[in-house]
């Protein structure tokens, strides 16, 4: 799905990673915490949303790190040699799956650690158009319902990694699932009375959230790194917004909203948001945690559609 470089680059990065990692034993690389070396197992995730979920379930018993950082666009990420070197410390690797992180295959080649795909067990929705039509839409974490499966998979993976703390992982997972269930209820209640029955975004990253809410979905392009913001895409969304009398359209925090601004100007619909999908914000931002991200997006969508 996302664009990525070919085998020669992957091979070069892998060779460099293995060379550098052989020069820096893991025991010397563990960071200090409170003056003491941090010997907790290292859980490596592909992006910040998954890292926050794993950290919440882990409850301090594991050290969670994300390959991509706050604000990064996940689809077309290009791993660096230092990413691969850092990955040598991983005791467990967690990724989304559903074709999201094609670049991640390089890490799996170079890291000898257990691996869990967090979307396993989620019923996927298909991408409806573009170069990847018919493939699975990878944005399942945006569903408060499907995200409960992510939590279950994290609980299982961490329990296998650290059986002594399995009871804590299960308790933390149960707490998070209660909060996700409450967000699902809030989502459905917030849009039930709205006359606008469609969610219009830049990327087609909200199919699972729209399904949970009972909303139609329209978007400019299906997947970031696909063809984005073409005149045809803009014309089709303008027609949809006009036909359905949509009061607000949205764009995501990690993409240029210029094409959606054209839709807004042509139709009079307000450009609301931004919405968050692929990345959390910093600790002082709007969505420092995954639950904050869902809560923020649900309320932003509800407020936009009620105008």
Protein backbone atom coordinates (compact mmCIF):
# COMPACT_ATOMS: atom_id res chain seq x y z
CA UNK A 1 0.00 0.00 0.00
CA UNK A 2 2.32 2.82 1.09
CA UNK A 3 5.32 3.60 -1.08
CA UNK A 4 8.64 2.33 0.12
CA UNK A 5 12.12 1.76 -1.19
CA UNK A 6 13.32 -1.48 -2.65
CA UNK A 7 15.51 -4.33 -1.43
CA UNK A 8 18.92 -2.66 -1.89
CA UNK A 9 18.12 0.07 0.64
CA UNK A 10 16.58 -2.40 3.06
CA UNK A 11 19.67 -4.60 2.77
CA UNK A 12 22.00 -1.70 3.38
CA UNK A 13 20.06 -0.57 6.43
CA UNK A 14 19.94 -4.10 7.78
CA UNK A 15 23.68 -4.58 7.34
CA UNK A 16 24.41 -1.28 9.05
CA UNK A 17 22.03 -2.07 11.89
CA UNK A 18 23.58 -5.45 12.54
CA UNK A 19 27.09 -4.00 12.42
CA UNK A 20 26.30 -1.20 14.85
CA UNK A 21 24.28 -3.38 17.19
CA UNK A 22 27.15 -5.81 17.49
CA UNK A 23 29.28 -2.94 18.81
CA UNK A 24 26.78 -1.88 21.48
CA UNK A 25 25.65 -4.68 23.79
CA UNK A 26 22.10 -4.34 25.00
CA UNK A 27 23.08 -4.30 28.66
CA UNK A 28 25.12 -1.12 28.05
CA UNK A 29 22.32 0.56 26.10
CA UNK A 30 19.57 0.35 28.72
CA UNK A 31 18.69 3.93 29.75
CA UNK A 32 19.01 5.08 33.32
CA UNK A 33 15.86 5.75 35.35
CA UNK A 34 16.29 7.56 38.67
CA UNK A 35 20.00 6.84 38.57
CA UNK A 36 19.50 3.13 37.88
CA UNK A 37 19.63 1.23 34.63
CA UNK A 38 16.16 0.47 33.24
CA UNK A 39 16.04 -3.30 32.84
CA UNK A 40 12.34 -3.57 32.03
CA UNK A 41 11.49 -5.45 28.82
CA UNK A 42 11.41 -3.19 25.77
CA UNK A 43 8.18 -3.16 23.74
CA UNK A 44 8.60 -1.58 20.32
CA UNK A 45 5.58 -0.26 18.40
CA UNK A 46 5.30 1.25 14.96
CA UNK A 47 3.52 4.49 15.88
CA UNK A 48 2.53 6.57 18.88
CA UNK A 49 -1.10 5.46 19.10
CA UNK A 50 -0.07 1.85 19.61
CA UNK A 51 2.70 2.90 21.99
CA UNK A 52 0.23 4.68 24.25
CA UNK A 53 -2.13 1.70 24.30
CA UNK A 54 0.73 -0.67 25.12
CA UNK A 55 1.99 1.66 27.83
CA UNK A 56 -1.45 1.89 29.43
CA UNK A 57 -1.87 -1.89 29.44
CA UNK A 58 1.73 -2.35 30.58
CA UNK A 59 1.19 -0.22 33.66
CA UNK A 60 4.88 0.52 34.11
CA UNK A 61 6.04 -3.09 33.93
CA UNK A 62 7.50 -2.64 30.44
CA UNK A 63 9.32 0.15 28.63
CA UNK A 64 7.37 1.11 25.49
CA UNK A 65 8.95 2.91 22.55
CA UNK A 66 7.53 4.02 19.20
CA UNK A 67 9.54 3.88 15.99
CA UNK A 68 7.76 6.91 14.53
CA UNK A 69 7.49 10.03 16.63
CA UNK A 70 4.72 12.51 17.41
CA UNK A 71 3.36 14.16 14.26
CA UNK A 72 4.79 11.57 11.85
CA UNK A 73 2.78 10.36 8.86
CA UNK A 74 2.79 6.60 9.23
CA UNK A 75 2.03 5.35 5.72
CA UNK A 76 5.15 6.42 3.87
CA UNK A 77 7.62 6.43 6.74
CA UNK A 78 11.22 5.65 5.78
CA UNK A 79 13.18 3.85 8.53
CA UNK A 80 16.65 5.17 9.32
CA UNK A 81 19.72 3.14 10.26
CA UNK A 82 19.40 4.42 13.83
CA UNK A 83 15.81 3.11 13.92
CA UNK A 84 17.07 -0.33 13.07
CA UNK A 85 19.85 -0.13 15.63
CA UNK A 86 17.39 0.90 18.34
CA UNK A 87 15.15 -2.01 17.36
CA UNK A 88 17.83 -4.48 18.43
CA UNK A 89 16.83 -3.83 22.04
CA UNK A 90 13.24 -4.96 21.52
CA UNK A 91 11.87 -7.85 23.57
CA UNK A 92 8.46 -7.61 21.87
CA UNK A 93 7.30 -5.94 18.65
CA UNK A 94 3.75 -4.68 18.14
CA UNK A 95 2.41 -3.42 14.82
CA UNK A 96 -0.99 -2.61 13.38
CA UNK A 97 -1.05 -4.93 10.38
CA UNK A 98 -3.70 -4.74 7.63
CA UNK A 99 -1.01 -3.52 5.24
CA UNK A 100 -0.35 -0.26 7.10
CA UNK A 101 3.37 -0.58 7.74
CA UNK A 102 4.91 -2.12 4.64
CA UNK A 103 8.22 -0.53 5.59
CA UNK A 104 8.12 -2.46 8.86
CA UNK A 105 9.13 -5.69 7.14
CA UNK A 106 12.74 -4.48 7.44
CA UNK A 107 12.49 -4.53 11.20
CA UNK A 108 11.10 -8.04 11.28
CA UNK A 109 14.10 -9.22 9.26
CA UNK A 110 16.59 -7.72 11.68
CA UNK A 111 15.05 -8.20 15.15
CA UNK A 112 14.91 -11.51 16.98
CA UNK A 113 11.89 -10.84 19.18
CA UNK A 114 8.28 -12.04 19.48
CA UNK A 115 5.86 -10.17 17.24
CA UNK A 116 2.13 -9.48 17.62
CA UNK A 117 -0.23 -7.91 15.06
CA UNK A 118 -2.75 -5.87 17.00
CA UNK A 119 -5.50 -5.89 14.38
CA UNK A 120 -5.71 -9.70 14.40
CA UNK A 121 -9.34 -10.62 15.01
CA UNK A 122 -10.78 -7.36 13.64
CA UNK A 123 -13.22 -7.74 10.75
CA UNK A 124 -11.58 -5.52 8.09
CA UNK A 125 -13.32 -3.07 5.82
CA UNK A 126 -12.13 -2.75 2.23
CA UNK A 127 -10.61 0.33 0.64
CA UNK A 128 -13.26 1.44 -1.83
CA UNK A 129 -11.24 3.25 -4.51
CA UNK A 130 -7.79 4.20 -5.73
CA UNK A 131 -4.69 2.12 -6.34
CA UNK A 132 -5.43 -0.15 -3.37
CA UNK A 133 -9.12 -0.76 -3.97
CA UNK A 134 -10.22 -4.07 -2.45
CA UNK A 135 -7.37 -4.25 0.09
CA UNK A 136 -8.07 -3.91 3.79
CA UNK A 137 -8.50 -0.43 5.20
CA UNK A 138 -5.81 -0.38 7.91
CA UNK A 139 -7.30 2.29 10.23
CA UNK A 140 -9.20 -0.10 12.50
CA UNK A 141 -7.86 1.49 15.71
CA UNK A 142 -10.16 4.45 14.96
CA UNK A 143 -13.14 2.31 15.98
CA UNK A 144 -13.86 2.29 19.73
CA UNK A 145 -15.27 -1.20 19.13
CA UNK A 146 -12.34 -2.62 17.14
CA UNK A 147 -9.84 -0.98 19.48
CA UNK A 148 -11.05 -3.35 22.19
CA UNK A 149 -9.58 -6.19 20.11
CA UNK A 150 -6.28 -4.28 20.00
CA UNK A 151 -6.36 -4.13 23.80
CA UNK A 152 -6.99 -7.87 24.06
CA UNK A 153 -4.06 -8.58 21.76
CA UNK A 154 -1.76 -6.34 23.80
CA UNK A 155 -2.84 -8.01 27.03
CA UNK A 156 -2.10 -11.43 25.54
CA UNK A 157 1.30 -10.41 24.13
CA UNK A 158 2.45 -8.73 27.34
CA UNK A 159 1.24 -11.64 29.46
CA UNK A 160 3.32 -14.01 27.34
CA UNK A 161 6.32 -11.69 27.70
CA UNK A 162 5.96 -11.08 31.46
CA UNK A 163 3.71 -13.77 33.02
CA UNK A 164 4.39 -12.50 36.53
CA UNK A 165 2.45 -9.32 35.76
CA UNK A 166 -0.36 -10.91 33.74
CA UNK A 167 -3.00 -10.04 36.35
CA UNK A 168 -2.07 -6.36 36.14
CA UNK A 169 -2.18 -6.44 32.33
CA UNK A 170 -5.63 -8.01 32.36
CA UNK A 171 -6.92 -5.46 34.90
CA UNK A 172 -5.52 -2.55 32.92
CA UNK A 173 -6.98 -3.93 29.70
CA UNK A 174 -10.40 -4.34 31.28
CA UNK A 175 -10.33 -0.72 32.48
CA UNK A 176 -9.40 0.58 29.02
CA UNK A 177 -12.15 -1.47 27.38
CA UNK A 178 -14.73 0.05 29.73
CA UNK A 179 -13.57 3.51 28.62
CA UNK A 180 -13.70 2.48 24.95
CA UNK A 181 -17.23 1.17 25.40
CA UNK A 182 -18.23 4.51 26.95
CA UNK A 183 -16.72 6.35 23.96
CA UNK A 184 -18.66 4.10 21.58
CA UNK A 185 -21.88 5.07 23.36
CA UNK A 186 -20.90 8.75 23.25
CA UNK A 187 -20.17 8.50 19.53
CA UNK A 188 -23.52 6.92 18.71
CA UNK A 189 -25.48 9.27 20.96
CA UNK A 190 -23.72 12.37 19.65
CA UNK A 191 -24.55 11.78 15.98
CA UNK A 192 -27.96 10.12 16.36
CA UNK A 193 -29.86 13.39 16.36
CA UNK A 194 -27.78 15.15 13.69
CA UNK A 195 -29.44 15.80 10.31
CA UNK A 196 -26.12 15.40 8.48
CA UNK A 197 -25.63 11.67 8.00
CA UNK A 198 -22.14 11.69 6.49
CA UNK A 199 -18.55 12.23 7.57
CA UNK A 200 -16.40 13.92 4.90
CA UNK A 201 -12.61 13.83 5.39
CA UNK A 202 -9.38 14.17 3.44
CA UNK A 203 -8.16 10.58 3.84
CA UNK A 204 -10.50 7.60 4.04
CA UNK A 205 -9.25 6.85 7.52
CA UNK A 206 -12.61 6.95 9.27
CA UNK A 207 -14.44 4.00 7.73
CA UNK A 208 -14.48 2.05 10.99
CA UNK A 209 -15.50 5.07 13.07
CA UNK A 210 -18.25 5.94 10.57
CA UNK A 211 -19.49 2.35 10.69
CA UNK A 212 -19.65 2.47 14.48
CA UNK A 213 -21.61 5.72 14.32
CA UNK A 214 -23.97 4.71 11.52
CA UNK A 215 -22.66 7.52 9.29
CA UNK A 216 -22.03 7.51 5.57
CA UNK A 217 -18.42 8.31 4.67
CA UNK A 218 -16.92 10.36 1.85
CA UNK A 219 -13.29 11.35 1.36
CA UNK A 220 -10.95 12.99 -1.11
CA UNK A 221 -8.44 10.14 -1.31
CA UNK A 222 -8.58 6.64 0.18
CA UNK A 223 -5.07 6.30 1.64
CA UNK A 224 -2.25 8.73 2.32
CA UNK A 225 0.56 8.16 -0.22
CA UNK A 226 -2.08 7.37 -2.84
CA UNK A 227 -3.05 10.08 -5.37
CA UNK A 228 -4.08 13.03 -3.21
CA UNK A 229 -6.27 16.04 -3.94
CA UNK A 230 -6.83 15.65 -7.69
CA UNK A 231 -9.37 17.87 -9.47
CA UNK A 232 -11.60 14.83 -9.98
CA UNK A 233 -11.50 13.93 -6.29
CA UNK A 234 -12.36 17.49 -5.33
CA UNK A 235 -15.25 17.69 -7.80
CA UNK A 236 -16.73 14.42 -6.55
CA UNK A 237 -16.60 15.50 -2.90
CA UNK A 238 -18.05 18.92 -3.73
CA UNK A 239 -20.98 17.16 -5.41
CA UNK A 240 -21.44 14.84 -2.42
CA UNK A 241 -21.40 17.71 0.09
CA UNK A 242 -23.92 19.70 -1.95
CA UNK A 243 -26.21 16.72 -2.54
CA UNK A 244 -26.28 15.82 1.17
CA UNK A 245 -26.23 19.36 2.57
CA UNK A 246 -23.19 18.62 4.76
CA UNK A 247 -22.42 21.49 7.18
CA UNK A 248 -18.75 20.67 7.84
CA UNK A 249 -15.85 18.81 6.27
CA UNK A 250 -12.68 17.68 8.00
CA UNK A 251 -9.01 16.99 7.40
CA UNK A 252 -6.35 15.16 9.41
CA UNK A 253 -3.49 16.69 11.39
CA UNK A 254 -0.74 15.01 9.35
CA UNK A 255 -1.84 16.08 5.83
CA UNK A 256 -2.15 19.34 3.87
CA UNK A 257 -5.78 20.57 4.09
CA UNK A 258 -5.54 22.59 0.86
CA UNK A 259 -7.78 20.32 -1.22
CA UNK A 260 -10.44 20.24 1.50
CA UNK A 261 -10.27 24.02 1.72
CA UNK A 262 -11.32 24.09 -1.93
CA UNK A 263 -14.33 21.92 -1.07
CA UNK A 264 -15.21 24.26 1.79
CA UNK A 265 -14.99 27.37 -0.39
CA UNK A 266 -17.04 25.80 -3.20
CA UNK A 267 -19.85 24.50 -0.98
CA UNK A 268 -19.95 26.80 2.02
CA UNK A 269 -19.34 23.87 4.35
CA UNK A 270 -17.09 24.77 7.26
CA UNK A 271 -13.60 23.22 7.36
CA UNK A 272 -13.57 21.85 10.90
CA UNK A 273 -10.90 20.03 12.87
CA UNK A 274 -8.21 18.99 12.42
CA UNK A 275 -8.91 15.37 13.25
CA UNK A 276 -6.19 13.07 14.60
CA UNK A 277 -5.55 9.59 13.22
CA UNK A 278 -1.96 8.44 12.71
CA UNK A 279 -0.26 10.27 15.55
CA UNK A 280 -0.85 11.58 19.04
CA UNK A 281 0.14 15.11 19.95
CA UNK A 282 2.81 16.02 22.47
CA UNK A 283 1.93 15.89 26.17
CA UNK A 284 0.66 19.49 26.11
CA UNK A 285 -1.30 19.06 22.87
CA UNK A 286 -4.90 18.21 22.14
CA UNK A 287 -4.52 14.41 22.10
CA UNK A 288 -1.68 13.21 24.34
CA UNK A 289 -3.24 9.73 24.68
CA UNK A 290 -5.20 7.37 22.46
CA UNK A 291 -8.37 7.74 24.50
CA UNK A 292 -7.95 11.53 24.25
CA UNK A 293 -7.62 11.14 20.47
CA UNK A 294 -10.89 9.25 20.12
CA UNK A 295 -12.67 11.57 22.53
CA UNK A 296 -11.39 14.68 20.73
CA UNK A 297 -12.32 13.37 17.28
CA UNK A 298 -15.79 12.25 18.37
CA UNK A 299 -16.56 15.64 19.88
CA UNK A 300 -15.04 17.58 16.96
CA UNK A 301 -17.12 15.58 14.47
CA UNK A 302 -20.29 15.97 16.54
CA UNK A 303 -19.81 19.73 16.89
CA UNK A 304 -19.03 20.10 13.19
CA UNK A 305 -22.07 18.19 12.01
CA UNK A 306 -24.38 20.07 14.38
CA UNK A 307 -23.55 23.51 12.96
